[in-house]
Amino acid sequence: MRDDVLERKIARIILAIAEERGVSEEAAIDLFYATETYRQLADPATGLRLMSDGYILEDLRQQLPVR
């Protein structure tokens, strides 16, 4: 996957987190980058970056602290 495509995928996921949680985009960025999901997305060997945004969001939701 090209870097620009991955960056757009990450941006969509961060925006979804912000909307779902009612937090700022900056707060959503902090939440996202502290997860194992981010680390897996950064590693092309995991294959996670090839999954849909919805699939990745579901994985991410399980790692985020309860609101």
N, C-alpha and C. Protein backbone atom coordinates (compact mmCIF):
# COMPACT_ATOMS: atom_id res chain seq x y z
N MET A 1 0.85 -1.17 0.00
CA MET A 1 0.00 0.00 0.00
C MET A 1 0.90 1.24 0.00
N ARG A 2 0.55 2.19 -0.84
CA ARG A 2 1.32 3.43 -0.90
C ARG A 2 1.15 4.21 0.38
N ASP A 3 2.18 4.98 0.72
CA ASP A 3 2.16 5.76 1.96
C ASP A 3 1.00 6.75 2.00
N ASP A 4 0.70 7.39 0.87
CA ASP A 4 -0.38 8.38 0.88
C ASP A 4 -1.74 7.72 1.11
N VAL A 5 -1.91 6.52 0.62
CA VAL A 5 -3.16 5.78 0.84
C VAL A 5 -3.28 5.41 2.32
N LEU A 6 -2.20 4.95 2.91
CA LEU A 6 -2.20 4.61 4.33
C LEU A 6 -2.46 5.84 5.18
N GLU A 7 -1.86 6.98 4.82
CA GLU A 7 -2.09 8.21 5.58
C GLU A 7 -3.56 8.62 5.54
N ARG A 8 -4.21 8.48 4.40
CA ARG A 8 -5.64 8.81 4.30
C ARG A 8 -6.48 7.84 5.14
N LYS A 9 -6.11 6.57 5.13
CA LYS A 9 -6.82 5.57 5.93
C LYS A 9 -6.71 5.93 7.41
N ILE A 10 -5.52 6.26 7.86
CA ILE A 10 -5.31 6.64 9.26
C ILE A 10 -6.10 7.89 9.60
N ALA A 11 -6.12 8.87 8.69
CA ALA A 11 -6.87 10.11 8.93
C ALA A 11 -8.36 9.81 9.09
N ARG A 12 -8.91 8.93 8.25
CA ARG A 12 -10.33 8.57 8.36
C ARG A 12 -10.62 7.89 9.69
N ILE A 13 -9.72 7.03 10.12
CA ILE A 13 -9.90 6.32 11.38
C ILE A 13 -9.84 7.30 12.55
N ILE A 14 -8.91 8.23 12.52
CA ILE A 14 -8.80 9.23 13.59
C ILE A 14 -10.05 10.09 13.63
N LEU A 15 -10.56 10.51 12.49
CA LEU A 15 -11.79 11.31 12.45
C LEU A 15 -12.97 10.52 13.02
N ALA A 16 -13.02 9.23 12.71
CA ALA A 16 -14.10 8.39 13.24
C ALA A 16 -14.01 8.28 14.76
N ILE A 17 -12.80 8.14 15.28
CA ILE A 17 -12.61 8.07 16.73
C ILE A 17 -13.08 9.38 17.38
N ALA A 18 -12.68 10.50 16.80
CA ALA A 18 -13.07 11.81 17.34
C ALA A 18 -14.58 11.94 17.37
N GLU A 19 -15.23 11.55 16.30
CA GLU A 19 -16.68 11.67 16.22
C GLU A 19 -17.37 10.74 17.21
N GLU A 20 -16.95 9.48 17.24
CA GLU A 20 -17.58 8.50 18.14
C GLU A 20 -17.44 8.89 19.60
N ARG A 21 -16.28 9.41 19.96
CA ARG A 21 -16.00 9.70 21.36
C ARG A 21 -16.32 11.13 21.75
N GLY A 22 -16.62 11.97 20.76
CA GLY A 22 -16.92 13.36 21.06
C GLY A 22 -15.72 14.12 21.59
N VAL A 23 -14.55 13.81 21.03
CA VAL A 23 -13.32 14.48 21.44
C VAL A 23 -12.74 15.24 20.26
N SER A 24 -11.76 16.07 20.53
CA SER A 24 -11.10 16.81 19.46
C SER A 24 -10.28 15.85 18.60
N GLU A 25 -9.94 16.31 17.42
CA GLU A 25 -9.09 15.49 16.55
C GLU A 25 -7.74 15.26 17.19
N GLU A 26 -7.22 16.25 17.90
CA GLU A 26 -5.94 16.11 18.58
C GLU A 26 -6.00 15.02 19.65
N ALA A 27 -7.09 14.98 20.40
CA ALA A 27 -7.25 13.95 21.42
C ALA A 27 -7.38 12.57 20.77
N ALA A 28 -8.08 12.49 19.65
CA ALA A 28 -8.22 11.23 18.93
C ALA A 28 -6.88 10.75 18.40
N ILE A 29 -6.06 11.69 17.95
CA ILE A 29 -4.71 11.33 17.48
C ILE A 29 -3.92 10.70 18.61
N ASP A 30 -3.97 11.33 19.78
CA ASP A 30 -3.25 10.79 20.94
C ASP A 30 -3.73 9.38 21.29
N LEU A 31 -5.05 9.19 21.28
CA LEU A 31 -5.60 7.87 21.56
C LEU A 31 -5.11 6.85 20.54
N PHE A 32 -5.20 7.20 19.28
CA PHE A 32 -4.84 6.28 18.19
C PHE A 32 -3.38 5.86 18.24
N TYR A 33 -2.48 6.83 18.37
CA TYR A 33 -1.06 6.51 18.31
C TYR A 33 -0.55 5.75 19.54
N ALA A 34 -1.37 5.62 20.57
CA ALA A 34 -0.98 4.87 21.77
C ALA A 34 -1.43 3.42 21.72
N THR A 35 -2.01 2.98 20.59
CA THR A 35 -2.57 1.63 20.50
C THR A 35 -1.68 0.65 19.76
N GLU A 36 -1.93 -0.60 20.04
CA GLU A 36 -1.27 -1.68 19.30
C GLU A 36 -1.74 -1.68 17.84
N THR A 37 -2.97 -1.27 17.61
CA THR A 37 -3.48 -1.20 16.24
C THR A 37 -2.61 -0.29 15.39
N TYR A 38 -2.22 0.86 15.93
CA TYR A 38 -1.33 1.76 15.17
C TYR A 38 -0.01 1.06 14.86
N ARG A 39 0.55 0.39 15.85
CA ARG A 39 1.84 -0.28 15.63
C ARG A 39 1.70 -1.34 14.54
N GLN A 40 0.57 -2.04 14.52
CA GLN A 40 0.36 -3.05 13.48
C GLN A 40 0.15 -2.40 12.11
N LEU A 41 -0.53 -1.27 12.06
CA LEU A 41 -0.71 -0.57 10.79
C LEU A 41 0.63 -0.08 10.25
N ALA A 42 1.52 0.31 11.13
CA ALA A 42 2.82 0.82 10.71
C ALA A 42 3.71 -0.29 10.15
N ASP A 43 3.41 -1.53 10.47
CA ASP A 43 4.21 -2.67 10.03
C ASP A 43 3.50 -3.38 8.87
N PRO A 44 4.01 -3.23 7.65
CA PRO A 44 3.33 -3.84 6.50
C PRO A 44 3.26 -5.37 6.58
N ALA A 45 4.11 -5.98 7.36
CA ALA A 45 4.11 -7.44 7.46
C ALA A 45 2.86 -7.98 8.14
N THR A 46 2.16 -7.16 8.94
CA THR A 46 0.97 -7.65 9.63
C THR A 46 -0.23 -7.80 8.71
N GLY A 47 -0.25 -7.02 7.63
CA GLY A 47 -1.37 -7.08 6.70
C GLY A 47 -2.59 -6.30 7.15
N LEU A 48 -2.55 -5.71 8.34
CA LEU A 48 -3.71 -4.98 8.86
C LEU A 48 -4.08 -3.81 7.96
N ARG A 49 -3.09 -3.17 7.37
CA ARG A 49 -3.37 -2.00 6.53
C ARG A 49 -4.21 -2.35 5.31
N LEU A 50 -4.33 -3.62 4.98
CA LEU A 50 -5.13 -4.04 3.83
C LEU A 50 -6.59 -4.25 4.19
N MET A 51 -6.90 -4.21 5.49
CA MET A 51 -8.26 -4.42 5.95
C MET A 51 -9.07 -3.12 5.82
N SER A 52 -10.39 -3.26 5.89
CA SER A 52 -11.26 -2.10 5.76
C SER A 52 -11.14 -1.19 6.98
N ASP A 53 -11.54 0.07 6.80
CA ASP A 53 -11.54 1.01 7.92
C ASP A 53 -12.41 0.48 9.06
N GLY A 54 -13.57 -0.08 8.71
CA GLY A 54 -14.49 -0.60 9.73
C GLY A 54 -13.86 -1.71 10.55
N TYR A 55 -13.16 -2.61 9.89
CA TYR A 55 -12.50 -3.71 10.58
C TYR A 55 -11.44 -3.16 11.54
N ILE A 56 -10.66 -2.21 11.06
CA ILE A 56 -9.61 -1.62 11.89
C ILE A 56 -10.22 -0.87 13.06
N LEU A 57 -11.30 -0.13 12.82
CA LEU A 57 -11.97 0.59 13.90
C LEU A 57 -12.48 -0.37 14.97
N GLU A 58 -13.04 -1.49 14.56
CA GLU A 58 -13.54 -2.46 15.54
C GLU A 58 -12.39 -2.98 16.41
N ASP A 59 -11.27 -3.28 15.80
CA ASP A 59 -10.08 -3.72 16.53
C ASP A 59 -9.62 -2.62 17.49
N LEU A 60 -9.63 -1.41 17.00
CA LEU A 60 -9.18 -0.27 17.79
C LEU A 60 -10.10 0.00 18.97
N ARG A 61 -11.40 -0.11 18.78
CA ARG A 61 -12.36 0.13 19.86
C ARG A 61 -12.09 -0.77 21.07
N GLN A 62 -11.63 -1.97 20.82
CA GLN A 62 -11.36 -2.91 21.90
C GLN A 62 -10.15 -2.49 22.73
N GLN A 63 -9.30 -1.65 22.16
CA GLN A 63 -8.08 -1.23 22.85
C GLN A 63 -8.21 0.11 23.55
N LEU A 64 -9.21 0.89 23.16
CA LEU A 64 -9.37 2.22 23.75
C LEU A 64 -9.99 2.13 25.12
N PRO A 65 -9.61 3.06 26.00
CA PRO A 65 -10.20 3.04 27.35
C PRO A 65 -11.69 3.31 27.30
N VAL A 66 -12.39 2.75 28.25
CA VAL A 66 -13.83 2.96 28.35
C VAL A 66 -14.07 4.43 28.66
N ARG A 67 -15.08 4.98 27.99
CA ARG A 67 -15.37 6.41 28.21
C ARG A 67 -16.15 6.60 29.48
